[in-house]
Amino acid sequence: MARNKIVTSVSLTPEVFKMGRDEGYNFSELLEEAIIDRNDPQKEIAFLQGQIQYHQDKIHELNQKIEIVKKAENKIKEFIVMEAIEHYLPDYRLTGVLRDSVERRLCEKLKLTPEELVEVFDEHL
């Protein structure tokens, strides 16, 4: 990805120019150094490598956040499963099946297939 060239013009009033000269600034030299710095391939490469490192660090940080969210999602899912088992296991023990409405609701909530849901209940018998 190529960087955009930006053209800037600066107007120095005679007072500012004189103050700069009195302070020892050579405006022509400063401008020339800035132009050389911007056109130095090694500095451009270093800048781009810095950008790559920044984005890699950001990717790592975001991946860590994804892991935290996934762990939280799993804990919530475990909690919902345990709550469902606690609530519906007595009826499941008696009949060996869940009511269709209960099965459908739990499958949607837990993102499980009916077969997986039955396996979960069978494990807790």
N, C-alpha and C. Protein backbone atom coordinates (compact mmCIF):
# COMPACT_ATOMS: atom_id res chain seq x y z
N MET A 1 0.85 -1.16 0.00
CA MET A 1 0.00 0.00 0.00
C MET A 1 0.90 1.23 0.00
N ALA A 2 0.79 2.06 -1.02
CA ALA A 2 1.61 3.26 -1.14
C ALA A 2 1.04 4.36 -0.26
N ARG A 3 1.94 5.12 0.31
CA ARG A 3 1.50 6.25 1.14
C ARG A 3 1.22 7.43 0.24
N ASN A 4 0.28 8.24 0.65
CA ASN A 4 -0.07 9.43 -0.12
C ASN A 4 0.96 10.51 0.09
N LYS A 5 1.26 11.23 -0.97
CA LYS A 5 2.14 12.38 -0.84
C LYS A 5 1.29 13.57 -0.40
N ILE A 6 1.84 14.30 0.53
CA ILE A 6 1.14 15.48 1.02
C ILE A 6 2.03 16.69 0.75
N VAL A 7 1.46 17.67 0.13
CA VAL A 7 2.18 18.90 -0.15
C VAL A 7 1.72 19.94 0.85
N THR A 8 2.69 20.54 1.50
CA THR A 8 2.37 21.53 2.52
C THR A 8 3.13 22.81 2.22
N SER A 9 2.47 23.90 2.42
CA SER A 9 3.17 25.17 2.28
C SER A 9 3.13 25.87 3.63
N VAL A 10 4.23 26.51 3.94
CA VAL A 10 4.33 27.21 5.22
C VAL A 10 4.73 28.65 4.92
N SER A 11 4.01 29.54 5.53
CA SER A 11 4.36 30.95 5.37
C SER A 11 4.98 31.43 6.67
N LEU A 12 6.19 31.92 6.57
CA LEU A 12 6.87 32.46 7.74
C LEU A 12 6.87 33.98 7.63
N THR A 13 6.34 34.59 8.65
CA THR A 13 6.38 36.05 8.65
C THR A 13 7.82 36.48 8.91
N PRO A 14 8.18 37.66 8.51
CA PRO A 14 9.56 38.12 8.74
C PRO A 14 9.96 38.05 10.22
N GLU A 15 8.99 38.31 11.11
CA GLU A 15 9.31 38.27 12.55
C GLU A 15 9.66 36.84 12.98
N VAL A 16 8.85 35.87 12.53
CA VAL A 16 9.10 34.47 12.89
C VAL A 16 10.42 34.01 12.28
N PHE A 17 10.66 34.37 11.03
CA PHE A 17 11.89 33.99 10.36
C PHE A 17 13.10 34.55 11.11
N LYS A 18 13.01 35.83 11.51
CA LYS A 18 14.11 36.47 12.25
C LYS A 18 14.32 35.80 13.59
N MET A 19 13.20 35.48 14.30
CA MET A 19 13.33 34.82 15.60
C MET A 19 13.99 33.45 15.43
N GLY A 20 13.61 32.74 14.38
CA GLY A 20 14.22 31.43 14.12
C GLY A 20 15.70 31.55 13.83
N ARG A 21 16.06 32.53 13.01
CA ARG A 21 17.48 32.75 12.70
C ARG A 21 18.26 33.11 13.96
N ASP A 22 17.66 33.97 14.81
CA ASP A 22 18.32 34.36 16.05
C ASP A 22 18.53 33.16 16.98
N GLU A 23 17.60 32.19 16.93
CA GLU A 23 17.70 31.00 17.77
C GLU A 23 18.63 29.96 17.15
N GLY A 24 19.10 30.22 15.94
CA GLY A 24 20.05 29.31 15.32
C GLY A 24 19.44 28.32 14.35
N TYR A 25 18.16 28.49 14.02
CA TYR A 25 17.53 27.58 13.06
C TYR A 25 17.88 27.98 11.64
N ASN A 26 18.23 26.98 10.83
CA ASN A 26 18.46 27.20 9.41
C ASN A 26 17.27 26.55 8.71
N PHE A 27 16.31 27.36 8.33
CA PHE A 27 15.07 26.82 7.78
C PHE A 27 15.29 26.04 6.49
N SER A 28 16.19 26.49 5.65
CA SER A 28 16.47 25.77 4.40
C SER A 28 17.03 24.39 4.71
N GLU A 29 17.95 24.32 5.67
CA GLU A 29 18.55 23.04 6.04
C GLU A 29 17.51 22.11 6.67
N LEU A 30 16.66 22.65 7.53
CA LEU A 30 15.61 21.84 8.15
C LEU A 30 14.66 21.27 7.10
N LEU A 31 14.29 22.09 6.13
CA LEU A 31 13.40 21.64 5.07
C LEU A 31 14.08 20.57 4.21
N GLU A 32 15.35 20.79 3.91
CA GLU A 32 16.09 19.82 3.11
C GLU A 32 16.19 18.47 3.85
N GLU A 33 16.47 18.51 5.14
CA GLU A 33 16.55 17.28 5.94
C GLU A 33 15.21 16.55 5.95
N ALA A 34 14.13 17.32 6.07
CA ALA A 34 12.80 16.70 6.09
C ALA A 34 12.51 16.02 4.76
N ILE A 35 12.90 16.66 3.67
CA ILE A 35 12.67 16.07 2.34
C ILE A 35 13.51 14.80 2.19
N ILE A 36 14.75 14.85 2.61
CA ILE A 36 15.62 13.67 2.51
C ILE A 36 15.07 12.54 3.38
N ASP A 37 14.65 12.88 4.61
CA ASP A 37 14.08 11.87 5.52
C ASP A 37 12.88 11.19 4.88
N ARG A 38 12.04 11.93 4.23
CA ARG A 38 10.81 11.37 3.65
C ARG A 38 11.13 10.49 2.44
N ASN A 39 12.25 10.74 1.79
CA ASN A 39 12.59 9.97 0.59
C ASN A 39 13.61 8.87 0.86
N ASP A 40 14.00 8.67 2.11
CA ASP A 40 14.98 7.64 2.46
C ASP A 40 14.28 6.28 2.52
N PRO A 41 14.62 5.36 1.62
CA PRO A 41 13.95 4.05 1.59
C PRO A 41 14.10 3.27 2.91
N GLN A 42 15.26 3.37 3.54
CA GLN A 42 15.46 2.64 4.80
C GLN A 42 14.53 3.15 5.90
N LYS A 43 14.34 4.46 5.93
CA LYS A 43 13.42 5.01 6.93
C LYS A 43 11.99 4.63 6.60
N GLU A 44 11.66 4.57 5.32
CA GLU A 44 10.32 4.16 4.91
C GLU A 44 10.09 2.70 5.30
N ILE A 45 11.11 1.85 5.07
CA ILE A 45 11.00 0.44 5.45
C ILE A 45 10.84 0.30 6.95
N ALA A 46 11.63 1.05 7.71
CA ALA A 46 11.53 1.00 9.17
C ALA A 46 10.15 1.46 9.63
N PHE A 47 9.63 2.50 8.99
CA PHE A 47 8.29 2.98 9.34
C PHE A 47 7.25 1.90 9.08
N LEU A 48 7.33 1.27 7.91
CA LEU A 48 6.36 0.22 7.56
C LEU A 48 6.50 -0.99 8.48
N GLN A 49 7.72 -1.34 8.85
CA GLN A 49 7.91 -2.45 9.79
C GLN A 49 7.32 -2.11 11.15
N GLY A 50 7.46 -0.86 11.54
CA GLY A 50 6.84 -0.41 12.79
C GLY A 50 5.32 -0.53 12.72
N GLN A 51 4.76 -0.17 11.58
CA GLN A 51 3.32 -0.30 11.39
C GLN A 51 2.89 -1.76 11.45
N ILE A 52 3.66 -2.64 10.81
CA ILE A 52 3.35 -4.08 10.84
C ILE A 52 3.38 -4.58 12.27
N GLN A 53 4.40 -4.21 13.03
CA GLN A 53 4.51 -4.66 14.42
C GLN A 53 3.34 -4.15 15.25
N TYR A 54 2.97 -2.90 15.03
CA TYR A 54 1.82 -2.34 15.76
C TYR A 54 0.57 -3.15 15.48
N HIS A 55 0.33 -3.46 14.21
CA HIS A 55 -0.88 -4.20 13.85
C HIS A 55 -0.82 -5.65 14.34
N GLN A 56 0.37 -6.24 14.35
CA GLN A 56 0.50 -7.60 14.89
C GLN A 56 0.18 -7.60 16.39
N ASP A 57 0.66 -6.59 17.09
CA ASP A 57 0.35 -6.48 18.52
C ASP A 57 -1.14 -6.30 18.73
N LYS A 58 -1.76 -5.50 17.88
CA LYS A 58 -3.21 -5.27 17.97
C LYS A 58 -3.96 -6.57 17.69
N ILE A 59 -3.52 -7.34 16.69
CA ILE A 59 -4.14 -8.63 16.38
C ILE A 59 -4.04 -9.55 17.58
N HIS A 60 -2.87 -9.60 18.20
CA HIS A 60 -2.68 -10.46 19.38
C HIS A 60 -3.62 -10.04 20.51
N GLU A 61 -3.72 -8.75 20.72
CA GLU A 61 -4.61 -8.23 21.77
C GLU A 61 -6.07 -8.60 21.48
N LEU A 62 -6.49 -8.46 20.24
CA LEU A 62 -7.87 -8.79 19.87
C LEU A 62 -8.12 -10.29 19.96
N ASN A 63 -7.13 -11.11 19.61
CA ASN A 63 -7.28 -12.56 19.75
C ASN A 63 -7.44 -12.96 21.21
N GLN A 64 -6.73 -12.26 22.10
CA GLN A 64 -6.89 -12.53 23.54
C GLN A 64 -8.30 -12.18 23.99
N LYS A 65 -8.83 -11.08 23.48
CA LYS A 65 -10.20 -10.69 23.83
C LYS A 65 -11.20 -11.72 23.31
N ILE A 66 -10.95 -12.25 22.11
CA ILE A 66 -11.83 -13.29 21.55
C ILE A 66 -11.82 -14.50 22.46
N GLU A 67 -10.64 -14.90 22.93
CA GLU A 67 -10.54 -16.07 23.83
C GLU A 67 -11.31 -15.83 25.12
N ILE A 68 -11.24 -14.63 25.65
CA ILE A 68 -11.97 -14.31 26.88
C ILE A 68 -13.47 -14.42 26.64
N VAL A 69 -13.93 -13.90 25.51
CA VAL A 69 -15.36 -13.97 25.19
C VAL A 69 -15.79 -15.41 25.00
N LYS A 70 -14.96 -16.22 24.32
CA LYS A 70 -15.30 -17.63 24.11
C LYS A 70 -15.39 -18.37 25.44
N LYS A 71 -14.45 -18.09 26.35
CA LYS A 71 -14.49 -18.74 27.67
C LYS A 71 -15.75 -18.34 28.42
N ALA A 72 -16.10 -17.06 28.35
CA ALA A 72 -17.32 -16.59 29.01
C ALA A 72 -18.55 -17.26 28.40
N GLU A 73 -18.56 -17.40 27.07
CA GLU A 73 -19.67 -18.05 26.39
C GLU A 73 -19.79 -19.51 26.84
N ASN A 74 -18.66 -20.19 26.96
CA ASN A 74 -18.68 -21.58 27.41
C ASN A 74 -19.19 -21.71 28.84
N LYS A 75 -18.78 -20.78 29.70
CA LYS A 75 -19.26 -20.81 31.09
C LYS A 75 -20.77 -20.59 31.15
N ILE A 76 -21.25 -19.66 30.34
CA ILE A 76 -22.70 -19.40 30.29
C ILE A 76 -23.43 -20.64 29.78
N LYS A 77 -22.87 -21.26 28.75
CA LYS A 77 -23.49 -22.46 28.19
C LYS A 77 -23.52 -23.57 29.24
N GLU A 78 -22.41 -23.76 29.96
CA GLU A 78 -22.37 -24.77 31.02
C GLU A 78 -23.42 -24.48 32.09
N PHE A 79 -23.55 -23.21 32.45
CA PHE A 79 -24.53 -22.83 33.47
C PHE A 79 -25.94 -23.16 32.99
N ILE A 80 -26.24 -22.82 31.73
CA ILE A 80 -27.57 -23.08 31.18
C ILE A 80 -27.82 -24.59 31.12
N VAL A 81 -26.80 -25.36 30.74
CA VAL A 81 -26.95 -26.82 30.69
C VAL A 81 -27.25 -27.36 32.08
N MET A 82 -26.49 -26.93 33.07
CA MET A 82 -26.69 -27.43 34.44
C MET A 82 -28.07 -27.02 34.96
N GLU A 83 -28.49 -25.81 34.64
CA GLU A 83 -29.81 -25.35 35.06
C GLU A 83 -30.91 -26.17 34.39
N ALA A 84 -30.74 -26.46 33.10
CA ALA A 84 -31.73 -27.26 32.37
C ALA A 84 -31.78 -28.68 32.92
N ILE A 85 -30.62 -29.24 33.18
CA ILE A 85 -30.57 -30.61 33.72
C ILE A 85 -31.25 -30.65 35.08
N GLU A 86 -30.93 -29.68 35.90
CA GLU A 86 -31.53 -29.62 37.24
C GLU A 86 -33.05 -29.52 37.14
N HIS A 87 -33.54 -28.78 36.19
CA HIS A 87 -34.97 -28.54 36.06
C HIS A 87 -35.70 -29.68 35.37
N TYR A 88 -35.11 -30.22 34.29
CA TYR A 88 -35.83 -31.19 33.46
C TYR A 88 -35.39 -32.65 33.67
N LEU A 89 -34.32 -32.91 34.41
CA LEU A 89 -33.85 -34.28 34.58
C LEU A 89 -34.85 -35.19 35.28
N PRO A 90 -35.57 -34.72 36.31
CA PRO A 90 -36.55 -35.62 36.94
C PRO A 90 -37.60 -36.15 35.95
N ASP A 91 -38.14 -35.28 35.11
CA ASP A 91 -39.11 -35.72 34.10
C ASP A 91 -38.45 -36.64 33.08
N TYR A 92 -37.22 -36.34 32.70
CA TYR A 92 -36.51 -37.15 31.72
C TYR A 92 -36.25 -38.56 32.27
N ARG A 93 -35.96 -38.65 33.58
CA ARG A 93 -35.76 -39.96 34.21
C ARG A 93 -37.03 -40.81 34.13
N LEU A 94 -38.16 -40.15 34.36
CA LEU A 94 -39.44 -40.88 34.37
C LEU A 94 -39.85 -41.33 32.98
N THR A 95 -39.77 -40.43 32.01
CA THR A 95 -40.31 -40.73 30.68
C THR A 95 -39.25 -41.16 29.67
N GLY A 96 -38.00 -40.75 29.88
CA GLY A 96 -36.94 -41.07 28.93
C GLY A 96 -36.89 -40.14 27.73
N VAL A 97 -37.79 -39.15 27.70
CA VAL A 97 -37.80 -38.17 26.60
C VAL A 97 -38.11 -36.79 27.17
N LEU A 98 -37.76 -35.80 26.39
CA LEU A 98 -38.13 -34.42 26.73
C LEU A 98 -39.33 -34.03 25.88
N ARG A 99 -40.16 -33.17 26.42
CA ARG A 99 -41.27 -32.66 25.60
C ARG A 99 -40.69 -31.92 24.41
N ASP A 100 -41.41 -31.95 23.29
CA ASP A 100 -40.93 -31.32 22.06
C ASP A 100 -40.62 -29.84 22.26
N SER A 101 -41.51 -29.14 22.95
CA SER A 101 -41.31 -27.69 23.15
C SER A 101 -40.06 -27.44 23.99
N VAL A 102 -39.85 -28.26 25.01
CA VAL A 102 -38.67 -28.10 25.87
C VAL A 102 -37.41 -28.43 25.06
N GLU A 103 -37.46 -29.52 24.32
CA GLU A 103 -36.31 -29.93 23.51
C GLU A 103 -35.94 -28.84 22.50
N ARG A 104 -36.93 -28.31 21.82
CA ARG A 104 -36.70 -27.27 20.81
C ARG A 104 -36.09 -26.02 21.46
N ARG A 105 -36.66 -25.61 22.60
CA ARG A 105 -36.18 -24.41 23.28
C ARG A 105 -34.73 -24.60 23.76
N LEU A 106 -34.44 -25.76 24.35
CA LEU A 106 -33.09 -26.01 24.83
C LEU A 106 -32.09 -26.13 23.68
N CYS A 107 -32.50 -26.75 22.59
CA CYS A 107 -31.61 -26.86 21.43
C CYS A 107 -31.26 -25.48 20.88
N GLU A 108 -32.23 -24.59 20.83
CA GLU A 108 -31.97 -23.23 20.34
C GLU A 108 -31.06 -22.48 21.30
N LYS A 109 -31.36 -22.59 22.60
CA LYS A 109 -30.58 -21.88 23.60
C LYS A 109 -29.14 -22.35 23.65
N LEU A 110 -28.96 -23.67 23.58
CA LEU A 110 -27.63 -24.26 23.74
C LEU A 110 -26.92 -24.50 22.41
N LYS A 111 -27.61 -24.24 21.31
CA LYS A 111 -27.06 -24.47 19.97
C LYS A 111 -26.58 -25.92 19.84
N LEU A 112 -27.47 -26.84 20.22
CA LEU A 112 -27.21 -28.27 20.12
C LEU A 112 -28.25 -28.91 19.21
N THR A 113 -27.89 -30.04 18.65
CA THR A 113 -28.89 -30.81 17.91
C THR A 113 -29.70 -31.62 18.93
N PRO A 114 -30.88 -32.08 18.57
CA PRO A 114 -31.66 -32.90 19.51
C PRO A 114 -30.88 -34.13 20.00
N GLU A 115 -30.10 -34.73 19.12
CA GLU A 115 -29.30 -35.90 19.51
C GLU A 115 -28.25 -35.52 20.56
N GLU A 116 -27.60 -34.39 20.37
CA GLU A 116 -26.59 -33.93 21.33
C GLU A 116 -27.24 -33.61 22.67
N LEU A 117 -28.43 -33.03 22.63
CA LEU A 117 -29.14 -32.71 23.86
C LEU A 117 -29.49 -33.98 24.63
N VAL A 118 -29.95 -34.99 23.92
CA VAL A 118 -30.29 -36.27 24.56
C VAL A 118 -29.03 -36.88 25.18
N GLU A 119 -27.89 -36.79 24.47
CA GLU A 119 -26.62 -37.30 25.01
C GLU A 119 -26.27 -36.61 26.32
N VAL A 120 -26.45 -35.29 26.37
CA VAL A 120 -26.15 -34.53 27.58
C VAL A 120 -27.02 -35.02 28.73
N PHE A 121 -28.31 -35.21 28.48
CA PHE A 121 -29.20 -35.68 29.53
C PHE A 121 -28.88 -37.13 29.93
N ASP A 122 -28.53 -37.96 28.95
CA ASP A 122 -28.18 -39.35 29.25
C ASP A 122 -26.93 -39.44 30.12
N GLU A 123 -25.98 -38.53 29.91
CA GLU A 123 -24.76 -38.52 30.71
C GLU A 123 -25.06 -38.25 32.18
N HIS A 124 -26.12 -37.53 32.46
CA HIS A 124 -26.44 -37.14 33.84
C HIS A 124 -27.46 -38.06 34.50
N LEU A 125 -27.84 -39.12 33.84
CA LEU A 125 -28.78 -40.07 34.45
C LEU A 125 -28.11 -40.89 35.52
